[in-house]
C-alpha cells in the first residue's frame, strides 16, 4: 500500500474512532477503496487514458454501492457530486454515479415502523413508491382516502455532522473529483444546513404551503398536506406518471415542446419572480397530470432566496447579454465569485465564461439541446478559470440553485424539443427585483 494512501487512512481511523458513529465504519471503508485507487493513479503516474478511466469507473462503483446503503447525508452528498463533477468524469463513470439519483433501495417497512408506534393504526402499503436520502414514501389510507406518507429513516438527522465531517476529509484528499482550490467548506456547510432543514417535516409542510400559494395553479399543482410531524408527513396522492414514465409513453413533439416550456416557466417563476425554488431536479419529483399540468413534489428541497441575491444574479445575466464587461466584474466581485486582488487574466476568463453561459439566449436559431458543444465549452472555460484564480470562492446559494439548473438542462435534453431560447429573453430582461 502506498505511503500516500496510508497517510490519508491514519487520520481517518482516528476521526472514525473519535466520532463514535457506527456508520462511520462504512464510510471509512469507502474512503480506503476510493483513495487506494487514487493513490494507484498518482503513484504510477498513469498516462494511459483508458487505464485512468477504468479507475474512475471503479471509484464511482464503490461510491454508489456504499452511499446507497448508508443513505442520509452521505447519499445526499453523492447525489450532489454526481451532478456537479460529472463533467470531469468519463461517460461510463457518469452513468454509474447517475444511479444515486434514482436507484436507492428502500428499507424494510416493518423495521422502519418499529421506530414509529404512532403509525401502527394507519394502513400503509408494504412496497415503497420511492426511497431517497432522508426517508421513503409509501401509499397509505388516511381518513378513508388514498394518500402518501413520507417516513424518515431513524437517526438520519443525528448522522449528518459525522457523515459530512468524514466526507469532507475524503474529498479534500481525492483530488481528482474537484478542480484545485475549490472551497469545499462552503459546499459542506450549505449541504449541512439544507439536510437539517429537510429532516424537519413540519418545516417542510410550511414551505409547501408557501410554495402552493405562489405557483400558477393553471400550470402547476402542489399537493395538499394532511398531517405533518417532525419525522413523518402525510400528503395528497397525485394520480399520473412521473416525468420519466411519461417520456417512455412516446409523447408527441408538440407535447414535449409544451412540457419543456413549462419547465422553463417553472424555473422563472420559482427563482426570479418568487425566490422560492424546489432545488431537487429528480424527474420523479414531477407528476404529469391531465392537460400536461405538472404536479410538484418534495417540499423538503424548497429553498428560499433573498432578494439581494436574485437581484445580483439577474444583474450579472443582463450585463452578460449586453456584453457589459464592467457590469459582469462588479457583480461578480459583489457576489463573491471574484476575490480581491485577482489577476487581470482571472477577470478576463470570468467575463468570457459568464458571457458564454448565456449564448443560447442570444442565438436566434433553435438551440440543439443534444449537441455537446455548449457543455464542452462551458467545462473548458470553467476549468481554465479554476486554474487561474487564487481561490475558488462562490456564494453558497449557487450550490443548490445550480443543481436545479443542471437538472433542468438534463430534463430539457431528454425532451429534446425544438426550442428557441432567444424568444425567452424579453421575459427574463423584463423582470425587475425591487430591493427595500
Protein backbone atom coordinates (compact mmCIF):
# COMPACT_ATOMS: atom_id res chain seq x y z
CA UNK A 1 0.00 0.00 0.00
CA UNK A 2 1.42 3.40 -0.93
CA UNK A 3 2.67 5.95 1.61
CA UNK A 4 0.12 8.42 0.24
CA UNK A 5 -2.72 6.01 0.90
CA UNK A 6 -1.51 5.25 4.46
CA UNK A 7 -1.03 8.93 5.31
CA UNK A 8 -4.67 9.52 4.42
CA UNK A 9 -6.08 6.48 6.21
CA UNK A 10 -4.40 7.06 9.59
CA UNK A 11 -6.18 10.36 10.33
CA UNK A 12 -9.39 8.80 9.02
CA UNK A 13 -9.07 5.96 11.56
CA UNK A 14 -8.68 8.48 14.37
CA UNK A 15 -11.62 10.52 13.08
CA UNK A 16 -13.91 7.48 12.86
CA UNK A 17 -12.91 6.44 16.40
CA UNK A 18 -13.44 9.91 17.86
CA UNK A 19 -16.81 10.37 16.22
CA UNK A 20 -18.01 7.08 17.63
CA UNK A 21 -20.59 6.61 14.89
CA UNK A 22 -21.23 3.04 13.78
CA UNK A 23 -21.99 4.00 10.19
CA UNK A 24 -18.64 5.83 10.00
CA UNK A 25 -17.02 2.40 9.60
CA UNK A 26 -18.72 2.01 6.23
CA UNK A 27 -17.68 5.50 5.12
CA UNK A 28 -14.17 4.68 6.32
CA UNK A 29 -14.08 1.54 4.19
CA UNK A 30 -15.36 3.51 1.19
CA UNK A 31 -12.62 6.08 1.73
CA UNK A 32 -9.99 3.37 1.76
CA UNK A 33 -11.20 1.89 -1.52
CA UNK A 34 -11.58 5.22 -3.32
CA UNK A 35 -8.33 6.68 -2.06
CA UNK A 36 -6.39 3.50 -2.80
CA UNK A 37 -7.46 3.80 -6.42
CA UNK A 38 -6.48 7.46 -6.35
CA UNK A 39 -3.04 6.68 -4.95
CA UNK A 40 -2.50 3.96 -7.57
CA UNK A 41 -3.19 6.54 -10.25
CA UNK A 42 -0.80 9.07 -8.71
CA UNK A 43 1.99 6.69 -7.74
CA UNK A 44 2.13 5.02 -11.14
CA UNK A 45 1.74 8.36 -12.92
CA UNK A 46 -0.58 6.77 -15.42
CA UNK A 47 -0.65 8.41 -18.80
CA UNK A 48 -2.82 5.76 -20.44
CA UNK A 49 -6.27 7.40 -20.69
CA UNK A 50 -8.09 4.06 -20.89
CA UNK A 51 -6.49 2.83 -17.66
CA UNK A 52 -7.27 6.11 -15.88
CA UNK A 53 -10.90 5.89 -16.97
CA UNK A 54 -11.13 2.35 -15.55
CA UNK A 55 -10.01 3.70 -12.18
CA UNK A 56 -12.63 6.46 -12.27
CA UNK A 57 -15.38 3.97 -13.08
CA UNK A 58 -14.26 1.71 -10.23
CA UNK A 59 -14.25 4.69 -7.84
CA UNK A 60 -17.78 5.59 -8.92
CA UNK A 61 -18.97 1.99 -8.43
CA UNK A 62 -17.53 1.84 -4.92
CA UNK A 63 -19.19 5.14 -4.02
CA UNK A 64 -22.61 4.15 -5.35
CA UNK A 65 -22.68 0.78 -3.59
CA UNK A 66 -21.82 2.22 -0.16
CA UNK A 67 -23.75 5.51 -0.34
CA UNK A 68 -26.98 3.83 -1.45
CA UNK A 69 -26.85 1.62 1.63
CA UNK A 70 -25.94 4.41 4.06
CA UNK A 71 -28.47 6.98 2.77
CA UNK A 72 -28.61 10.19 4.84
CA UNK A 73 -26.02 12.93 4.36
CA UNK A 74 -23.61 10.55 2.63
CA UNK A 75 -26.11 9.73 -0.11
CA UNK A 76 -27.20 13.36 -0.49
CA UNK A 77 -23.59 14.43 -0.94
CA UNK A 78 -23.08 11.70 -3.52
CA UNK A 79 -26.17 12.87 -5.42
CA UNK A 80 -24.83 16.42 -5.47
CA UNK A 81 -21.43 15.13 -6.56
CA UNK A 82 -22.99 13.13 -9.40
CA UNK A 83 -24.27 16.37 -10.93
CA UNK A 84 -21.50 18.81 -10.06
CA UNK A 85 -18.45 16.77 -11.09
CA UNK A 86 -19.98 14.76 -13.93
CA UNK A 87 -18.20 16.94 -16.45
CA UNK A 88 -14.82 15.78 -15.16
CA UNK A 89 -15.61 12.07 -15.49
CA UNK A 90 -15.77 9.61 -18.40
CA UNK A 91 -19.27 8.71 -19.65
CA UNK A 92 -19.18 5.27 -18.02
CA UNK A 93 -18.40 6.77 -14.59
CA UNK A 94 -21.15 9.38 -15.02
CA UNK A 95 -23.64 6.60 -15.79
CA UNK A 96 -22.64 4.79 -12.60
CA UNK A 97 -22.96 7.90 -10.41
CA UNK A 98 -26.34 8.69 -12.03
CA UNK A 99 -27.73 5.67 -10.18
CA UNK A 100 -27.53 7.72 -6.98
CA UNK A 101 -30.35 9.86 -8.40
CA UNK A 102 -32.81 7.01 -8.90
CA UNK A 103 -31.78 3.51 -7.75
CA UNK A 104 -31.98 3.93 -3.98
CA UNK A 105 -33.01 0.67 -2.24
CA UNK A 106 -35.82 1.16 0.34
CA UNK A 107 -35.70 -0.01 3.93
CA UNK A 108 -37.99 -2.80 5.15
CA UNK A 109 -41.26 -1.12 6.16
CA UNK A 110 -41.81 -3.21 9.29
CA UNK A 111 -38.32 -2.43 10.54
CA UNK A 112 -38.93 1.23 9.83
CA UNK A 113 -42.32 1.30 11.57
CA UNK A 114 -40.81 -0.21 14.72
CA UNK A 115 -39.50 3.31 15.35
CA UNK A 116 -42.94 4.89 14.84
CA UNK A 117 -45.55 3.35 17.17
CA UNK A 118 -47.86 6.29 16.41
CA UNK A 119 -48.26 4.97 12.85
CA UNK A 120 -49.40 1.46 13.76
CA UNK A 121 -53.10 2.25 13.15
CA UNK A 122 -52.50 3.62 9.65
CA UNK A 123 -52.87 1.26 6.69
CA UNK A 124 -49.61 1.56 4.76
CA UNK A 125 -48.64 -0.37 1.62
CA UNK A 126 -45.61 -2.60 2.15
CA UNK A 127 -43.96 -1.66 -1.13
CA UNK A 128 -42.29 1.75 -1.19
CA UNK A 129 -43.20 4.12 -4.02
CA UNK A 130 -39.81 5.79 -3.74
CA UNK A 131 -36.75 5.89 -1.49
CA UNK A 132 -34.35 8.79 -1.05
CA UNK A 133 -31.56 10.03 1.19
CA UNK A 134 -33.69 11.16 4.16
CA UNK A 135 -36.72 8.87 4.01
CA UNK A 136 -39.03 6.83 1.83
CA UNK A 137 -42.57 7.19 0.50
CA UNK A 138 -45.48 4.71 0.66
CA UNK A 139 -49.10 4.74 -0.35
CA UNK A 140 -51.45 4.77 2.63
CA UNK A 141 -55.08 5.24 3.59
CA UNK A 142 -55.64 8.42 5.58
CA UNK A 143 -59.15 9.17 6.89
CA UNK A 144 -60.70 6.93 4.22
CA UNK A 145 -58.83 8.47 1.31
CA UNK A 146 -55.80 7.48 -0.69
CA UNK A 147 -52.68 9.40 0.35
CA UNK A 148 -48.91 9.10 0.53
CA UNK A 149 -46.81 9.03 3.67
CA UNK A 150 -43.17 10.04 3.85
CA UNK A 151 -41.31 8.36 6.71
CA UNK A 152 -37.88 9.47 7.85
CA UNK A 153 -35.09 6.97 8.44
CA UNK A 154 -34.25 6.58 12.16
CA UNK A 155 -31.29 8.64 13.41
CA UNK A 156 -30.62 10.11 9.97
CA UNK A 157 -30.58 13.63 11.42
CA UNK A 158 -28.08 12.63 14.11
CA UNK A 159 -25.68 11.25 11.50
CA UNK A 160 -25.39 14.42 9.40
CA UNK A 161 -22.49 16.12 11.19
CA UNK A 162 -20.40 12.97 11.48
CA UNK A 163 -21.01 11.87 7.88
CA UNK A 164 -20.12 15.23 6.40
CA UNK A 165 -17.02 15.62 8.54
CA UNK A 166 -15.62 12.37 7.20
CA UNK A 167 -16.74 13.04 3.62
CA UNK A 168 -15.18 16.49 3.68
CA UNK A 169 -11.85 14.89 4.65
CA UNK A 170 -12.13 12.23 1.95
CA UNK A 171 -12.84 14.76 -0.77
CA UNK A 172 -10.00 17.02 0.32
CA UNK A 173 -7.68 14.09 -0.45
CA UNK A 174 -9.43 12.67 -3.52
CA UNK A 175 -8.01 15.44 -5.64
CA UNK A 176 -9.39 14.20 -8.92
CA UNK A 177 -13.02 14.88 -8.10
CA UNK A 178 -12.61 18.64 -7.73
CA UNK A 179 -10.55 21.23 -9.56
CA UNK A 180 -7.77 22.75 -7.44
CA UNK A 181 -8.63 25.41 -4.83
CA UNK A 182 -12.37 24.64 -4.70
CA UNK A 183 -13.94 25.83 -1.45
CA UNK A 184 -15.19 22.53 0.00
CA UNK A 185 -16.27 24.16 3.28
CA UNK A 186 -18.90 26.25 1.52
CA UNK A 187 -20.32 23.14 -0.16
CA UNK A 188 -20.31 21.12 3.06
CA UNK A 189 -21.89 23.86 5.17
CA UNK A 190 -24.64 24.58 2.65
CA UNK A 191 -25.42 20.88 2.35
CA UNK A 192 -25.47 20.52 6.13
CA UNK A 193 -27.96 23.39 6.53
CA UNK A 194 -30.13 22.01 3.74
CA UNK A 195 -30.15 18.47 5.15
CA UNK A 196 -31.07 19.58 8.66
CA UNK A 197 -33.99 21.53 7.25
CA UNK A 198 -35.07 18.54 5.16
CA UNK A 199 -35.18 16.42 8.33
CA UNK A 200 -37.88 18.68 9.76
CA UNK A 201 -41.11 17.60 8.08
CA UNK A 202 -43.13 20.22 9.99
CA UNK A 203 -40.95 22.88 8.37
CA UNK A 204 -41.45 21.15 5.02
CA UNK A 205 -45.22 21.46 5.42
CA UNK A 206 -44.90 25.22 5.97
CA UNK A 207 -42.69 25.56 2.90
CA UNK A 208 -45.20 23.58 0.83
CA UNK A 209 -48.00 25.87 1.95
CA UNK A 210 -45.98 28.91 0.80
CA UNK A 211 -44.95 27.21 -2.46
CA UNK A 212 -48.55 26.25 -3.22
CA UNK A 213 -49.72 29.84 -2.70
CA UNK A 214 -47.17 31.17 -5.22
CA UNK A 215 -47.28 28.71 -8.13
CA UNK A 216 -49.61 29.36 -11.07
CA UNK A 217 -52.43 26.82 -10.49
CA UNK A 218 -53.25 26.63 -14.20
CA UNK A 219 -49.81 25.17 -14.94
CA UNK A 220 -48.61 23.65 -11.65
CA UNK A 221 -50.18 21.71 -8.81
CA UNK A 222 -48.72 21.35 -5.32
CA UNK A 223 -50.37 18.54 -3.30
CA UNK A 224 -52.03 19.38 -0.01
CA UNK A 225 -50.53 18.31 3.32
CA UNK A 226 -52.91 16.32 5.55
CA UNK A 227 -50.66 15.80 8.56
CA UNK A 228 -47.11 16.83 9.42
CA UNK A 229 -44.97 15.72 12.33
CA UNK A 230 -41.24 16.10 12.86
CA UNK A 231 -40.36 12.78 11.16
CA UNK A 232 -43.36 11.80 9.03
CA UNK A 233 -45.65 13.63 6.63
CA UNK A 234 -48.99 12.63 5.06
CA UNK A 235 -49.83 14.26 1.77
CA UNK A 236 -52.36 14.25 -1.05
CA UNK A 237 -51.77 11.49 -3.60
CA UNK A 238 -51.37 12.74 -7.19
CA UNK A 239 -52.55 10.49 -9.99
CA UNK A 240 -50.33 10.32 -13.03
CA UNK A 241 -46.95 9.16 -14.34
CA UNK A 242 -43.66 10.71 -13.29
CA UNK A 243 -41.89 12.71 -15.96
CA UNK A 244 -39.61 9.76 -16.72
CA UNK A 245 -42.59 7.38 -17.05
CA UNK A 246 -44.39 9.90 -19.25
CA UNK A 247 -41.43 10.13 -21.63
CA UNK A 248 -41.49 6.34 -22.04
CA UNK A 249 -45.03 6.66 -23.42
CA UNK A 250 -43.69 8.42 -26.53
CA UNK A 251 -45.41 11.81 -26.24
CA UNK A 252 -45.82 13.85 -29.41
CA UNK A 253 -43.38 16.55 -30.47
CA UNK A 254 -45.94 19.23 -29.53
CA UNK A 255 -46.46 17.70 -26.08
CA UNK A 256 -42.72 17.61 -25.42
CA UNK A 257 -42.41 21.21 -26.59
CA UNK A 258 -45.17 22.29 -24.20
CA UNK A 259 -43.59 20.36 -21.33
CA UNK A 260 -40.18 21.94 -21.97
CA UNK A 261 -41.68 25.41 -21.92
CA UNK A 262 -43.49 24.64 -18.68
CA UNK A 263 -40.26 23.57 -17.03
CA UNK A 264 -38.56 26.82 -18.10
CA UNK A 265 -41.57 28.81 -16.92
CA UNK A 266 -41.44 26.97 -13.58
CA UNK A 267 -37.82 27.99 -13.03
CA UNK A 268 -38.52 31.62 -13.94
CA UNK A 269 -41.46 31.76 -11.54
CA UNK A 270 -39.60 29.96 -8.76
CA UNK A 271 -36.34 31.88 -8.74
CA UNK A 272 -36.70 35.23 -10.49
CA UNK A 273 -40.30 36.05 -9.52
CA UNK A 274 -40.84 34.43 -6.11
CA UNK A 275 -37.41 33.42 -4.82
CA UNK A 276 -38.82 30.08 -3.65
CA UNK A 277 -37.18 27.17 -5.50
CA UNK A 278 -37.63 23.41 -5.25
CA UNK A 279 -33.96 22.59 -5.76
CA UNK A 280 -34.11 18.82 -6.39
CA UNK A 281 -34.46 18.25 -10.17
CA UNK A 282 -35.08 14.50 -9.93
CA UNK A 283 -37.66 13.60 -12.66
CA UNK A 284 -39.57 11.58 -10.04
CA UNK A 285 -40.47 14.89 -8.37
CA UNK A 286 -42.66 15.83 -11.35
CA UNK A 287 -46.06 14.19 -11.93
CA UNK A 288 -47.65 14.70 -15.35
CA UNK A 289 -51.36 15.28 -14.71
CA UNK A 290 -54.30 15.94 -17.05
CA UNK A 291 -53.70 18.58 -19.75
CA UNK A 292 -49.96 18.29 -19.01
CA UNK A 293 -50.29 20.18 -15.75
CA UNK A 294 -47.22 19.44 -13.61
CA UNK A 295 -47.60 18.09 -10.09
CA UNK A 296 -44.66 19.31 -7.95
CA UNK A 297 -43.35 17.02 -5.22
CA UNK A 298 -40.72 17.06 -2.43
CA UNK A 299 -41.16 20.21 -0.38
CA UNK A 300 -38.12 19.32 1.69
CA UNK A 301 -35.91 20.56 -1.14
CA UNK A 302 -37.54 24.01 -1.23
CA UNK A 303 -35.07 26.83 -0.63
CA UNK A 304 -35.96 30.50 -0.12
CA UNK A 305 -33.59 33.05 -1.69
CA UNK A 306 -33.03 36.61 -0.54
CA UNK A 307 -33.95 39.39 -2.95
CA UNK A 308 -30.42 40.79 -2.98
CA UNK A 309 -29.01 37.52 -4.30
CA UNK A 310 -31.71 37.31 -7.00
CA UNK A 311 -31.10 40.95 -7.92
CA UNK A 312 -27.34 40.44 -8.30
CA UNK A 313 -27.75 37.18 -10.21
CA UNK A 314 -30.17 38.84 -12.65
CA UNK A 315 -27.88 41.87 -12.99
CA UNK A 316 -24.99 39.62 -14.00
CA UNK A 317 -27.09 37.83 -16.63
CA UNK A 318 -28.29 41.14 -18.08
CA UNK A 319 -24.75 42.53 -18.14
CA UNK A 320 -23.57 39.42 -19.97
CA UNK A 321 -26.33 39.74 -22.57
CA UNK A 322 -25.42 43.40 -23.10
CA UNK A 323 -21.70 42.48 -23.21
CA UNK A 324 -21.12 44.91 -20.36
CA UNK A 325 -17.78 43.59 -19.08
CA UNK A 326 -17.53 46.06 -16.20
CA UNK A 327 -21.05 45.17 -15.08
CA UNK A 328 -20.09 41.47 -15.02
CA UNK A 329 -16.94 42.22 -12.99
CA UNK A 330 -18.69 44.46 -10.48
CA UNK A 331 -21.47 41.95 -9.86
CA UNK A 332 -19.00 39.04 -9.79
CA UNK A 333 -17.00 40.77 -7.06
CA UNK A 334 -20.12 41.73 -5.12
CA UNK A 335 -21.44 38.17 -5.19
CA UNK A 336 -18.09 36.65 -4.22
CA UNK A 337 -17.14 34.88 -7.43
CA UNK A 338 -14.04 37.06 -7.71
CA UNK A 339 -11.87 37.73 -4.67
CA UNK A 340 -9.83 40.92 -4.08
CA UNK A 341 -6.52 41.18 -5.92
CA UNK A 342 -7.36 38.58 -8.55
CA UNK A 343 -5.26 38.83 -11.69
CA UNK A 344 -6.38 40.52 -14.89
CA UNK A 345 -6.20 37.08 -16.54
CA UNK A 346 -8.67 35.64 -13.99
CA UNK A 347 -11.03 38.58 -14.51
CA UNK A 348 -10.93 38.17 -18.29
CA UNK A 349 -11.59 34.42 -18.01
CA UNK A 350 -14.53 35.05 -15.68
CA UNK A 351 -16.03 37.55 -18.13
CA UNK A 352 -15.60 35.10 -21.02
CA UNK A 353 -17.24 32.29 -19.03
CA UNK A 354 -20.28 34.33 -17.95
CA UNK A 355 -20.82 35.72 -21.44
CA UNK A 356 -20.62 32.27 -22.98
CA UNK A 357 -23.11 30.84 -20.49
CA UNK A 358 -25.92 33.00 -21.86
CA UNK A 359 -25.14 32.49 -25.58
CA UNK A 360 -28.26 30.32 -26.13
CA UNK A 361 -30.35 33.40 -25.24
CA UNK A 362 -28.64 35.44 -27.99
CA UNK A 363 -28.88 32.89 -30.79
CA UNK A 364 -32.00 33.49 -32.94
CA UNK A 365 -31.90 29.89 -34.11
CA UNK A 366 -33.33 26.87 -32.29
CA UNK A 367 -30.84 25.54 -29.79
CA UNK A 368 -29.69 21.92 -30.38
CA UNK A 369 -30.05 20.55 -26.86
CA UNK A 370 -28.37 17.23 -27.64
CA UNK A 371 -25.31 18.92 -29.10
CA UNK A 372 -22.49 18.64 -26.54
CA UNK A 373 -20.53 21.58 -27.98
CA UNK A 374 -22.01 24.04 -25.49
CA UNK A 375 -21.44 21.72 -22.49
CA UNK A 376 -17.86 21.01 -23.55
CA UNK A 377 -17.07 24.70 -23.99
CA UNK A 378 -18.56 25.61 -20.60
CA UNK A 379 -16.47 22.88 -18.98
CA UNK A 380 -13.34 24.05 -20.78
CA UNK A 381 -13.84 27.69 -19.71
CA UNK A 382 -14.70 26.67 -16.14
CA UNK A 383 -11.56 24.58 -15.81
CA UNK A 384 -9.36 27.35 -17.21
CA UNK A 385 -10.86 29.85 -14.77
CA UNK A 386 -10.49 27.47 -11.80
CA UNK A 387 -6.79 27.02 -12.56
CA UNK A 388 -6.14 30.75 -12.80
CA UNK A 389 -7.94 32.12 -9.75
CA UNK A 390 -6.18 32.24 -6.39
CA UNK A 391 -9.11 30.65 -4.56
CA UNK A 392 -12.40 29.28 -5.91
CA UNK A 393 -14.87 31.10 -3.67
CA UNK A 394 -18.52 31.37 -4.61
CA UNK A 395 -21.82 32.29 -2.93
CA UNK A 396 -23.31 29.36 -1.06
CA UNK A 397 -26.70 29.99 -2.69
CA UNK A 398 -25.28 28.87 -6.04
CA UNK A 399 -24.77 25.25 -4.96
CA UNK A 400 -28.38 24.03 -4.83
CA UNK A 401 -29.60 26.57 -7.38
CA UNK A 402 -27.19 25.26 -9.99
CA UNK A 403 -28.09 21.69 -9.08
CA UNK A 404 -31.62 22.70 -10.12
CA UNK A 405 -30.33 24.35 -13.30
CA UNK A 406 -28.20 21.35 -14.21
CA UNK A 407 -31.13 19.03 -13.65
CA UNK A 408 -33.43 21.28 -15.68
CA UNK A 409 -30.99 21.24 -18.58
CA UNK A 410 -30.81 17.45 -18.36
CA UNK A 411 -34.62 17.21 -18.46
CA UNK A 412 -34.74 19.51 -21.48
CA UNK A 413 -32.19 17.30 -23.24
CA UNK A 414 -34.41 14.27 -22.65
CA UNK A 415 -37.43 16.11 -24.02
CA UNK A 416 -35.31 17.32 -26.98
CA UNK A 417 -37.78 19.98 -28.12
CA UNK A 418 -37.18 22.46 -30.91
CA UNK A 419 -36.55 25.35 -28.50
CA UNK A 420 -35.58 28.90 -29.28
CA UNK A 421 -34.12 30.28 -26.04
CA UNK A 422 -33.78 33.70 -27.62
CA UNK A 423 -37.57 34.05 -27.53
CA UNK A 424 -37.44 33.79 -23.72
CA UNK A 425 -35.06 36.71 -23.29
CA UNK A 426 -37.70 39.51 -23.36
CA UNK A 427 -39.42 37.75 -20.46
CA UNK A 428 -36.16 37.46 -18.49
CA UNK A 429 -34.99 41.00 -19.23
CA UNK A 430 -38.33 42.50 -18.18
CA UNK A 431 -38.01 41.10 -14.64
CA UNK A 432 -37.11 43.72 -12.06
CA UNK A 433 -36.23 42.78 -8.46
CA UNK A 434 -37.07 45.60 -6.07
CA UNK A 435 -34.71 45.91 -3.11
CA UNK A 436 -36.16 47.54 0.00
